[in-house]
Amino acid sequence: AFQKAYEELRDAGAEHIISIHISETLSATVDAARTGAKQTEGIDI
């Protein structure tokens, strides 16, 4: 889900993405975002 969001922004012309999420002490969301970022090519996140 994060990879898809990142790729859409990349394809729309974004040069860098800052992805900001709920505390990792409360949720695994940050981990999912980090994995999605690693899987996304062509843009720094």
All heavy atoms as atom14 arrays in JSON, in Angstrom:
{
  "sequence": "AFQKAYEELRDAGAEHIISIHISETLSATVDAARTGAKQTEGIDI",
  "atom14_mask": [
    [1, 1, 1, 1, 1, 0, 0, 0, 0, 0, 0, 0, 0, 0],
    [1, 1, 1, 1, 1, 1, 1, 1, 1, 1, 1, 0, 0, 0],
    [1, 1, 1, 1, 1, 1, 1, 1, 1, 0, 0, 0, 0, 0],
    [1, 1, 1, 1, 1, 1, 1, 1, 1, 0, 0, 0, 0, 0],
    [1, 1, 1, 1, 1, 0, 0, 0, 0, 0, 0, 0, 0, 0],
    [1, 1, 1, 1, 1, 1, 1, 1, 1, 1, 1, 1, 0, 0],
    [1, 1, 1, 1, 1, 1, 1, 1, 1, 0, 0, 0, 0, 0],
    [1, 1, 1, 1, 1, 1, 1, 1, 1, 0, 0, 0, 0, 0],
    [1, 1, 1, 1, 1, 1, 1, 1, 0, 0, 0, 0, 0, 0],
    [1, 1, 1, 1, 1, 1, 1, 1, 1, 1, 1, 0, 0, 0],
    [1, 1, 1, 1, 1, 1, 1, 1, 0, 0, 0, 0, 0, 0],
    [1, 1, 1, 1, 1, 0, 0, 0, 0, 0, 0, 0, 0, 0],
    [1, 1, 1, 1, 0, 0, 0, 0, 0, 0, 0, 0, 0, 0],
    [1, 1, 1, 1, 1, 0, 0, 0, 0, 0, 0, 0, 0, 0],
    [1, 1, 1, 1, 1, 1, 1, 1, 1, 0, 0, 0, 0, 0],
    [1, 1, 1, 1, 1, 1, 1, 1, 1, 1, 0, 0, 0, 0],
    [1, 1, 1, 1, 1, 1, 1, 1, 0, 0, 0, 0, 0, 0],
    [1, 1, 1, 1, 1, 1, 1, 1, 0, 0, 0, 0, 0, 0],
    [1, 1, 1, 1, 1, 1, 0, 0, 0, 0, 0, 0, 0, 0],
    [1, 1, 1, 1, 1, 1, 1, 1, 0, 0, 0, 0, 0, 0],
    [1, 1, 1, 1, 1, 1, 1, 1, 1, 1, 0, 0, 0, 0],
    [1, 1, 1, 1, 1, 1, 1, 1, 0, 0, 0, 0, 0, 0],
    [1, 1, 1, 1, 1, 1, 0, 0, 0, 0, 0, 0, 0, 0],
    [1, 1, 1, 1, 1, 1, 1, 1, 1, 0, 0, 0, 0, 0],
    [1, 1, 1, 1, 1, 1, 1, 0, 0, 0, 0, 0, 0, 0],
    [1, 1, 1, 1, 1, 1, 1, 1, 0, 0, 0, 0, 0, 0],
    [1, 1, 1, 1, 1, 1, 0, 0, 0, 0, 0, 0, 0, 0],
    [1, 1, 1, 1, 1, 0, 0, 0, 0, 0, 0, 0, 0, 0],
    [1, 1, 1, 1, 1, 1, 1, 0, 0, 0, 0, 0, 0, 0],
    [1, 1, 1, 1, 1, 1, 1, 0, 0, 0, 0, 0, 0, 0],
    [1, 1, 1, 1, 1, 1, 1, 1, 0, 0, 0, 0, 0, 0],
    [1, 1, 1, 1, 1, 0, 0, 0, 0, 0, 0, 0, 0, 0],
    [1, 1, 1, 1, 1, 0, 0, 0, 0, 0, 0, 0, 0, 0],
    [1, 1, 1, 1, 1, 1, 1, 1, 1, 1, 1, 0, 0, 0],
    [1, 1, 1, 1, 1, 1, 1, 0, 0, 0, 0, 0, 0, 0],
    [1, 1, 1, 1, 0, 0, 0, 0, 0, 0, 0, 0, 0, 0],
    [1, 1, 1, 1, 1, 0, 0, 0, 0, 0, 0, 0, 0, 0],
    [1, 1, 1, 1, 1, 1, 1, 1, 1, 0, 0, 0, 0, 0],
    [1, 1, 1, 1, 1, 1, 1, 1, 1, 0, 0, 0, 0, 0],
    [1, 1, 1, 1, 1, 1, 1, 0, 0, 0, 0, 0, 0, 0],
    [1, 1, 1, 1, 1, 1, 1, 1, 1, 0, 0, 0, 0, 0],
    [1, 1, 1, 1, 0, 0, 0, 0, 0, 0, 0, 0, 0, 0],
    [1, 1, 1, 1, 1, 1, 1, 1, 0, 0, 0, 0, 0, 0],
    [1, 1, 1, 1, 1, 1, 1, 1, 0, 0, 0, 0, 0, 0],
    [1, 1, 1, 1, 1, 1, 1, 1, 0, 0, 0, 0, 0, 0]
  ],
  "atom14_positions": [
    [[0.83, -1.2, 0.0], [0.0, 0.0, 0.0], [0.87, 1.25, 0.0], [0.58, 2.24, -0.7], [-0.93, 0.0, 1.21], [0.0, 0.0, 0.0], [0.0, 0.0, 0.0], [0.0, 0.0, 0.0], [0.0, 0.0, 0.0], [0.0, 0.0, 0.0], [0.0, 0.0, 0.0], [0.0, 0.0, 0.0], [0.0, 0.0, 0.0], [0.0, 0.0, 0.0]],
    [[1.94, 1.21, 0.78], [2.87, 2.35, 0.79], [3.65, 2.43, -0.51], [3.84, 3.52, -1.07], [3.81, 2.24, 1.99], [3.13, 2.54, 3.29], [2.77, 1.52, 4.16], [2.84, 3.85, 3.65], [2.13, 1.8, 5.35], [2.2, 4.13, 4.85], [1.84, 3.1, 5.7], [0.0, 0.0, 0.0], [0.0, 0.0, 0.0], [0.0, 0.0, 0.0]],
    [[4.09, 1.29, -1.02], [4.82, 1.29, -2.29], [3.98, 1.91, -3.39], [4.47, 2.72, -4.2], [5.23, -0.13, -2.67], [6.04, -0.21, -3.96], [6.42, -1.65, -4.32], [6.24, -2.57, -3.52], [6.95, -1.83, -5.51], [0.0, 0.0, 0.0], [0.0, 0.0, 0.0], [0.0, 0.0, 0.0], [0.0, 0.0, 0.0], [0.0, 0.0, 0.0]],
    [[2.71, 1.56, -3.43], [1.81, 2.11, -4.45], [1.7, 3.62, -4.31], [1.76, 4.36, -5.32], [0.42, 1.47, -4.33], [-0.6, 1.94, -5.35], [-1.9, 1.16, -5.21], [-2.92, 1.56, -6.27], [-3.41, 2.94, -6.08], [0.0, 0.0, 0.0], [0.0, 0.0, 0.0], [0.0, 0.0, 0.0], [0.0, 0.0, 0.0], [0.0, 0.0, 0.0]],
    [[1.54, 4.11, -3.08], [1.44, 5.56, -2.85], [2.73, 6.27, -3.26], [2.7, 7.33, -3.9], [1.13, 5.83, -1.38], [0.0, 0.0, 0.0], [0.0, 0.0, 0.0], [0.0, 0.0, 0.0], [0.0, 0.0, 0.0], [0.0, 0.0, 0.0], [0.0, 0.0, 0.0], [0.0, 0.0, 0.0], [0.0, 0.0, 0.0], [0.0, 0.0, 0.0]],
    [[3.87, 5.67, -2.92], [5.16, 6.28, -3.26], [5.37, 6.31, -4.79], [5.85, 7.32, -5.34], [6.31, 5.5, -2.61], [6.27, 5.46, -1.1], [6.8, 4.35, -0.41], [5.73, 6.49, -0.34], [6.78, 4.29, 0.97], [5.7, 6.43, 1.05], [6.23, 5.33, 1.7], [6.21, 5.27, 3.07], [0.0, 0.0, 0.0], [0.0, 0.0, 0.0]],
    [[5.02, 5.22, -5.45], [5.22, 5.16, -6.91], [4.33, 6.16, -7.63], [4.75, 6.77, -8.62], [4.94, 3.74, -7.4], [6.02, 2.74, -6.97], [5.71, 1.32, -7.38], [4.53, 1.04, -7.71], [6.63, 0.48, -7.35], [0.0, 0.0, 0.0], [0.0, 0.0, 0.0], [0.0, 0.0, 0.0], [0.0, 0.0, 0.0], [0.0, 0.0, 0.0]],
    [[3.12, 6.36, -7.14], [2.23, 7.34, -7.76], [2.79, 8.76, -7.63], [2.73, 9.55, -8.58], [0.84, 7.26, -7.12], [0.07, 6.01, -7.52], [-1.27, 5.89, -6.84], [-1.56, 6.74, -5.96], [-2.03, 4.96, -7.18], [0.0, 0.0, 0.0], [0.0, 0.0, 0.0], [0.0, 0.0, 0.0], [0.0, 0.0, 0.0], [0.0, 0.0, 0.0]],
    [[3.35, 9.07, -6.49], [3.96, 10.39, -6.3], [5.22, 10.53, -7.16], [5.47, 11.59, -7.75], [4.3, 10.61, -4.82], [3.08, 10.79, -3.9], [3.53, 10.83, -2.44], [2.31, 12.05, -4.24], [0.0, 0.0, 0.0], [0.0, 0.0, 0.0], [0.0, 0.0, 0.0], [0.0, 0.0, 0.0], [0.0, 0.0, 0.0], [0.0, 0.0, 0.0]],
    [[6.02, 9.49, -7.22], [7.21, 9.5, -8.09], [6.83, 9.75, -9.54], [7.41, 10.61, -10.22], [7.94, 8.17, -7.97], [9.17, 8.02, -8.87], [9.5, 6.54, -9.06], [8.41, 5.83, -9.74], [8.27, 4.5, -9.78], [9.15, 3.73, -9.16], [7.26, 3.94, -10.43], [0.0, 0.0, 0.0], [0.0, 0.0, 0.0], [0.0, 0.0, 0.0]],
    [[5.81, 9.04, -10.0], [5.38, 9.17, -11.39], [4.77, 10.54, -11.68], [4.74, 10.98, -12.84], [4.39, 8.06, -11.75], [5.02, 6.67, -11.69], [6.26, 6.58, -11.66], [4.26, 5.68, -11.64], [0.0, 0.0, 0.0], [0.0, 0.0, 0.0], [0.0, 0.0, 0.0], [0.0, 0.0, 0.0], [0.0, 0.0, 0.0], [0.0, 0.0, 0.0]],
    [[4.28, 11.21, -10.62], [3.69, 12.54, -10.79], [4.74, 13.65, -10.69], [4.39, 14.83, -10.79], [2.6, 12.76, -9.75], [0.0, 0.0, 0.0], [0.0, 0.0, 0.0], [0.0, 0.0, 0.0], [0.0, 0.0, 0.0], [0.0, 0.0, 0.0], [0.0, 0.0, 0.0], [0.0, 0.0, 0.0], [0.0, 0.0, 0.0], [0.0, 0.0, 0.0]],
    [[6.0, 13.26, -10.47], [7.06, 14.26, -10.49], [7.74, 14.55, -9.17], [8.62, 15.42, -9.11], [0.0, 0.0, 0.0], [0.0, 0.0, 0.0], [0.0, 0.0, 0.0], [0.0, 0.0, 0.0], [0.0, 0.0, 0.0], [0.0, 0.0, 0.0], [0.0, 0.0, 0.0], [0.0, 0.0, 0.0], [0.0, 0.0, 0.0], [0.0, 0.0, 0.0]],
    [[7.37, 13.85, -8.11], [8.04, 14.07, -6.83], [9.5, 13.64, -6.93], [9.83, 12.65, -7.6], [7.35, 13.29, -5.72], [0.0, 0.0, 0.0], [0.0, 0.0, 0.0], [0.0, 0.0, 0.0], [0.0, 0.0, 0.0], [0.0, 0.0, 0.0], [0.0, 0.0, 0.0], [0.0, 0.0, 0.0], [0.0, 0.0, 0.0], [0.0, 0.0, 0.0]],
    [[10.37, 14.4, -6.26], [11.79, 14.09, -6.25], [12.24, 13.47, -4.92], [13.29, 12.83, -4.85], [12.6, 15.35, -6.53], [12.3, 15.95, -7.91], [12.96, 17.29, -8.1], [13.98, 17.56, -7.45], [12.46, 18.09, -8.91], [0.0, 0.0, 0.0], [0.0, 0.0, 0.0], [0.0, 0.0, 0.0], [0.0, 0.0, 0.0], [0.0, 0.0, 0.0]],
    [[11.47, 13.7, -3.88], [11.73, 13.08, -2.58], [10.41, 12.99, -1.83], [9.53, 13.84, -2.01], [12.75, 13.89, -1.76], [13.32, 13.11, -0.61], [14.58, 12.53, -0.65], [12.8, 12.76, 0.59], [14.8, 11.88, 0.48], [13.73, 12.01, 1.26], [0.0, 0.0, 0.0], [0.0, 0.0, 0.0], [0.0, 0.0, 0.0], [0.0, 0.0, 0.0]],
    [[10.29, 11.98, -0.98], [9.08, 11.78, -0.18], [9.48, 11.71, 1.29], [10.44, 11.03, 1.64], [8.35, 10.49, -0.59], [7.81, 10.6, -2.02], [7.2, 10.18, 0.38], [7.31, 9.28, -2.59], [0.0, 0.0, 0.0], [0.0, 0.0, 0.0], [0.0, 0.0, 0.0], [0.0, 0.0, 0.0], [0.0, 0.0, 0.0], [0.0, 0.0, 0.0]],
    [[8.71, 12.43, 2.12], [8.83, 12.28, 3.57], [7.54, 11.61, 4.04], [6.45, 12.14, 3.84], [9.02, 13.63, 4.28], [10.25, 14.36, 3.73], [9.16, 13.41, 5.79], [10.45, 15.75, 4.32], [0.0, 0.0, 0.0], [0.0, 0.0, 0.0], [0.0, 0.0, 0.0], [0.0, 0.0, 0.0], [0.0, 0.0, 0.0], [0.0, 0.0, 0.0]],
    [[7.67, 10.45, 4.65], [6.53, 9.64, 5.06], [6.49, 9.62, 6.58], [7.37, 9.05, 7.23], [6.69, 8.23, 4.48], [5.49, 7.5, 4.5], [0.0, 0.0, 0.0], [0.0, 0.0, 0.0], [0.0, 0.0, 0.0], [0.0, 0.0, 0.0], [0.0, 0.0, 0.0], [0.0, 0.0, 0.0], [0.0, 0.0, 0.0], [0.0, 0.0, 0.0]],
    [[5.46, 10.24, 7.18], [5.41, 10.5, 8.62], [4.25, 9.71, 9.24], [3.11, 9.85, 8.81], [5.22, 12.0, 8.9], [6.32, 12.81, 8.19], [5.24, 12.29, 10.41], [6.07, 14.31, 8.21], [0.0, 0.0, 0.0], [0.0, 0.0, 0.0], [0.0, 0.0, 0.0], [0.0, 0.0, 0.0], [0.0, 0.0, 0.0], [0.0, 0.0, 0.0]],
    [[4.54, 8.94, 10.31], [3.53, 8.01, 10.81], [3.43, 7.93, 12.32], [4.31, 8.39, 13.06], [3.8, 6.63, 10.22], [3.79, 6.65, 8.73], [2.63, 6.76, 8.0], [4.82, 6.65, 7.83], [2.93, 6.81, 6.71], [4.24, 6.74, 6.58], [0.0, 0.0, 0.0], [0.0, 0.0, 0.0], [0.0, 0.0, 0.0], [0.0, 0.0, 0.0]],
    [[2.34, 7.31, 12.76], [2.06, 7.07, 14.18], [3.25, 6.37, 14.83], [3.94, 5.58, 14.19], [0.77, 6.23, 14.34], [0.43, 6.02, 15.83], [0.87, 4.92, 13.6], [-0.92, 5.33, 16.04], [0.0, 0.0, 0.0], [0.0, 0.0, 0.0], [0.0, 0.0, 0.0], [0.0, 0.0, 0.0], [0.0, 0.0, 0.0], [0.0, 0.0, 0.0]],
    [[3.48, 6.66, 16.1], [4.63, 6.12, 16.82], [4.75, 4.61, 16.66], [3.77, 3.87, 16.79], [4.52, 6.46, 18.31], [5.54, 5.83, 19.04], [0.0, 0.0, 0.0], [0.0, 0.0, 0.0], [0.0, 0.0, 0.0], [0.0, 0.0, 0.0], [0.0, 0.0, 0.0], [0.0, 0.0, 0.0], [0.0, 0.0, 0.0], [0.0, 0.0, 0.0]],
    [[5.98, 4.15, 16.43], [6.2, 2.72, 16.28], [6.03, 1.98, 17.59], [5.97, 0.74, 17.6], [7.58, 2.45, 15.68], [8.75, 2.93, 16.49], [10.06, 2.72, 15.75], [10.1, 1.91, 14.8], [11.05, 3.37, 16.11], [0.0, 0.0, 0.0], [0.0, 0.0, 0.0], [0.0, 0.0, 0.0], [0.0, 0.0, 0.0], [0.0, 0.0, 0.0]],
    [[5.93, 2.7, 18.71], [5.63, 2.03, 19.98], [4.16, 1.66, 20.08], [3.77, 0.88, 20.96], [6.0, 2.92, 21.18], [5.22, 4.12, 21.15], [7.48, 3.28, 21.16], [0.0, 0.0, 0.0], [0.0, 0.0, 0.0], [0.0, 0.0, 0.0], [0.0, 0.0, 0.0], [0.0, 0.0, 0.0], [0.0, 0.0, 0.0], [0.0, 0.0, 0.0]],
    [[3.34, 2.19, 19.18], [1.9, 1.94, 19.2], [1.42, 1.12, 18.02], [0.34, 0.53, 18.08], [1.13, 3.27, 19.22], [1.41, 4.22, 20.38], [0.66, 5.53, 20.17], [1.03, 3.59, 21.71], [0.0, 0.0, 0.0], [0.0, 0.0, 0.0], [0.0, 0.0, 0.0], [0.0, 0.0, 0.0], [0.0, 0.0, 0.0], [0.0, 0.0, 0.0]],
    [[2.19, 1.11, 16.94], [1.7, 0.5, 15.7], [2.87, 0.03, 14.84], [3.97, 0.59, 14.92], [0.86, 1.52, 14.92], [0.54, 1.05, 13.63], [0.0, 0.0, 0.0], [0.0, 0.0, 0.0], [0.0, 0.0, 0.0], [0.0, 0.0, 0.0], [0.0, 0.0, 0.0], [0.0, 0.0, 0.0], [0.0, 0.0, 0.0], [0.0, 0.0, 0.0]],
    [[2.61, -0.96, 14.01], [3.62, -1.46, 13.07], [3.6, -0.69, 11.75], [4.28, -1.06, 10.8], [3.39, -2.94, 12.8], [0.0, 0.0, 0.0], [0.0, 0.0, 0.0], [0.0, 0.0, 0.0], [0.0, 0.0, 0.0], [0.0, 0.0, 0.0], [0.0, 0.0, 0.0], [0.0, 0.0, 0.0], [0.0, 0.0, 0.0], [0.0, 0.0, 0.0]],
    [[2.87, 0.41, 11.71], [2.73, 1.18, 10.47], [4.07, 1.68, 9.94], [4.34, 1.63, 8.74], [1.77, 2.36, 10.68], [0.5, 1.86, 11.12], [1.57, 3.14, 9.4], [0.0, 0.0, 0.0], [0.0, 0.0, 0.0], [0.0, 0.0, 0.0], [0.0, 0.0, 0.0], [0.0, 0.0, 0.0], [0.0, 0.0, 0.0], [0.0, 0.0, 0.0]],
    [[4.93, 2.18, 10.83], [6.23, 2.68, 10.42], [7.04, 1.57, 9.75], [7.7, 1.79, 8.72], [7.0, 3.27, 11.61], [8.46, 3.52, 11.26], [6.37, 4.58, 12.07], [0.0, 0.0, 0.0], [0.0, 0.0, 0.0], [0.0, 0.0, 0.0], [0.0, 0.0, 0.0], [0.0, 0.0, 0.0], [0.0, 0.0, 0.0], [0.0, 0.0, 0.0]],
    [[7.0, 0.37, 10.29], [7.74, -0.75, 9.7], [7.23, -1.06, 8.3], [8.03, -1.34, 7.38], [7.62, -1.99, 10.57], [8.44, -1.88, 11.86], [9.4, -1.09, 11.88], [8.1, -2.57, 12.84], [0.0, 0.0, 0.0], [0.0, 0.0, 0.0], [0.0, 0.0, 0.0], [0.0, 0.0, 0.0], [0.0, 0.0, 0.0], [0.0, 0.0, 0.0]],
    [[5.91, -1.02, 8.13], [5.34, -1.29, 6.8], [5.76, -0.2, 5.81], [6.08, -0.49, 4.65], [3.82, -1.35, 6.89], [0.0, 0.0, 0.0], [0.0, 0.0, 0.0], [0.0, 0.0, 0.0], [0.0, 0.0, 0.0], [0.0, 0.0, 0.0], [0.0, 0.0, 0.0], [0.0, 0.0, 0.0], [0.0, 0.0, 0.0], [0.0, 0.0, 0.0]],
    [[5.8, 1.05, 6.27], [6.22, 2.15, 5.41], [7.69, 2.01, 5.03], [8.07, 2.26, 3.87], [5.98, 3.49, 6.11], [0.0, 0.0, 0.0], [0.0, 0.0, 0.0], [0.0, 0.0, 0.0], [0.0, 0.0, 0.0], [0.0, 0.0, 0.0], [0.0, 0.0, 0.0], [0.0, 0.0, 0.0], [0.0, 0.0, 0.0], [0.0, 0.0, 0.0]],
    [[8.52, 1.61, 5.98], [9.95, 1.42, 5.68], [10.17, 0.32, 4.65], [10.98, 0.45, 3.73], [10.7, 1.1, 6.97], [10.87, 2.3, 7.9], [11.47, 1.89, 9.22], [11.65, 3.05, 10.1], [11.62, 2.99, 11.43], [11.43, 1.82, 12.05], [11.8, 4.09, 12.15], [0.0, 0.0, 0.0], [0.0, 0.0, 0.0], [0.0, 0.0, 0.0]],
    [[9.42, -0.77, 4.81], [9.54, -1.87, 3.84], [9.06, -1.42, 2.47], [9.69, -1.71, 1.44], [8.74, -3.09, 4.31], [9.23, -3.5, 5.59], [8.88, -4.24, 3.32], [0.0, 0.0, 0.0], [0.0, 0.0, 0.0], [0.0, 0.0, 0.0], [0.0, 0.0, 0.0], [0.0, 0.0, 0.0], [0.0, 0.0, 0.0], [0.0, 0.0, 0.0]],
    [[7.93, -0.7, 2.45], [7.43, -0.17, 1.18], [8.41, 0.76, 0.51], [8.55, 0.77, -0.72], [0.0, 0.0, 0.0], [0.0, 0.0, 0.0], [0.0, 0.0, 0.0], [0.0, 0.0, 0.0], [0.0, 0.0, 0.0], [0.0, 0.0, 0.0], [0.0, 0.0, 0.0], [0.0, 0.0, 0.0], [0.0, 0.0, 0.0], [0.0, 0.0, 0.0]],
    [[9.11, 1.57, 1.32], [10.11, 2.5, 0.77], [11.27, 1.74, 0.13], [11.77, 2.11, -0.95], [10.6, 3.43, 1.87], [0.0, 0.0, 0.0], [0.0, 0.0, 0.0], [0.0, 0.0, 0.0], [0.0, 0.0, 0.0], [0.0, 0.0, 0.0], [0.0, 0.0, 0.0], [0.0, 0.0, 0.0], [0.0, 0.0, 0.0], [0.0, 0.0, 0.0]],
    [[11.71, 0.66, 0.79], [12.82, -0.13, 0.25], [12.45, -0.79, -1.07], [13.31, -1.03, -1.93], [13.23, -1.19, 1.26], [13.91, -0.64, 2.51], [14.23, -1.75, 3.5], [14.87, -1.2, 4.77], [15.14, -2.28, 5.77], [0.0, 0.0, 0.0], [0.0, 0.0, 0.0], [0.0, 0.0, 0.0], [0.0, 0.0, 0.0], [0.0, 0.0, 0.0]],
    [[11.15, -1.09, -1.23], [10.69, -1.77, -2.44], [10.41, -0.79, -3.59], [10.14, -1.22, -4.71], [9.41, -2.56, -2.12], [9.64, -3.7, -1.15], [8.36, -4.37, -0.68], [8.38, -5.36, 0.03], [7.22, -3.82, -1.08], [0.0, 0.0, 0.0], [0.0, 0.0, 0.0], [0.0, 0.0, 0.0], [0.0, 0.0, 0.0], [0.0, 0.0, 0.0]],
    [[10.47, 0.51, -3.29], [10.15, 1.52, -4.3], [11.43, 2.01, -4.97], [12.34, 2.52, -4.31], [9.42, 2.72, -3.66], [8.26, 2.24, -2.96], [9.0, 3.72, -4.72], [0.0, 0.0, 0.0], [0.0, 0.0, 0.0], [0.0, 0.0, 0.0], [0.0, 0.0, 0.0], [0.0, 0.0, 0.0], [0.0, 0.0, 0.0], [0.0, 0.0, 0.0]],
    [[11.49, 1.9, -6.27], [12.68, 2.31, -7.03], [12.49, 3.69, -7.64], [11.36, 4.14, -7.89], [12.96, 1.29, -8.13], [13.25, -0.11, -7.61], [13.5, -1.11, -8.73], [13.27, -0.75, -9.9], [13.92, -2.24, -8.42], [0.0, 0.0, 0.0], [0.0, 0.0, 0.0], [0.0, 0.0, 0.0], [0.0, 0.0, 0.0], [0.0, 0.0, 0.0]],
    [[13.59, 4.38, -7.85], [13.56, 5.62, -8.61], [13.27, 6.87, -7.82], [13.12, 7.95, -8.42], [0.0, 0.0, 0.0], [0.0, 0.0, 0.0], [0.0, 0.0, 0.0], [0.0, 0.0, 0.0], [0.0, 0.0, 0.0], [0.0, 0.0, 0.0], [0.0, 0.0, 0.0], [0.0, 0.0, 0.0], [0.0, 0.0, 0.0], [0.0, 0.0, 0.0]],
    [[13.21, 6.79, -6.5], [12.97, 7.98, -5.69], [13.48, 7.73, -4.27], [13.38, 6.62, -3.75], [11.48, 8.38, -5.67], [11.29, 9.73, -4.98], [10.62, 7.3, -5.03], [9.9, 10.31, -5.16], [0.0, 0.0, 0.0], [0.0, 0.0, 0.0], [0.0, 0.0, 0.0], [0.0, 0.0, 0.0], [0.0, 0.0, 0.0], [0.0, 0.0, 0.0]],
    [[14.04, 8.79, -3.67], [14.48, 8.69, -2.28], [13.31, 8.96, -1.35], [12.53, 9.9, -1.57], [15.6, 9.7, -2.01], [16.89, 9.35, -2.73], [17.14, 8.14, -2.91], [17.63, 10.27, -3.12], [0.0, 0.0, 0.0], [0.0, 0.0, 0.0], [0.0, 0.0, 0.0], [0.0, 0.0, 0.0], [0.0, 0.0, 0.0], [0.0, 0.0, 0.0]],
    [[13.2, 8.15, -0.31], [12.08, 8.26, 0.64], [12.63, 8.28, 2.06], [13.43, 7.41, 2.43], [11.1, 7.08, 0.48], [10.58, 7.02, -0.97], [9.94, 7.19, 1.48], [9.88, 5.72, -1.31], [0.0, 0.0, 0.0], [0.0, 0.0, 0.0], [0.0, 0.0, 0.0], [0.0, 0.0, 0.0], [0.0, 0.0, 0.0], [0.0, 0.0, 0.0]]
  ]
}
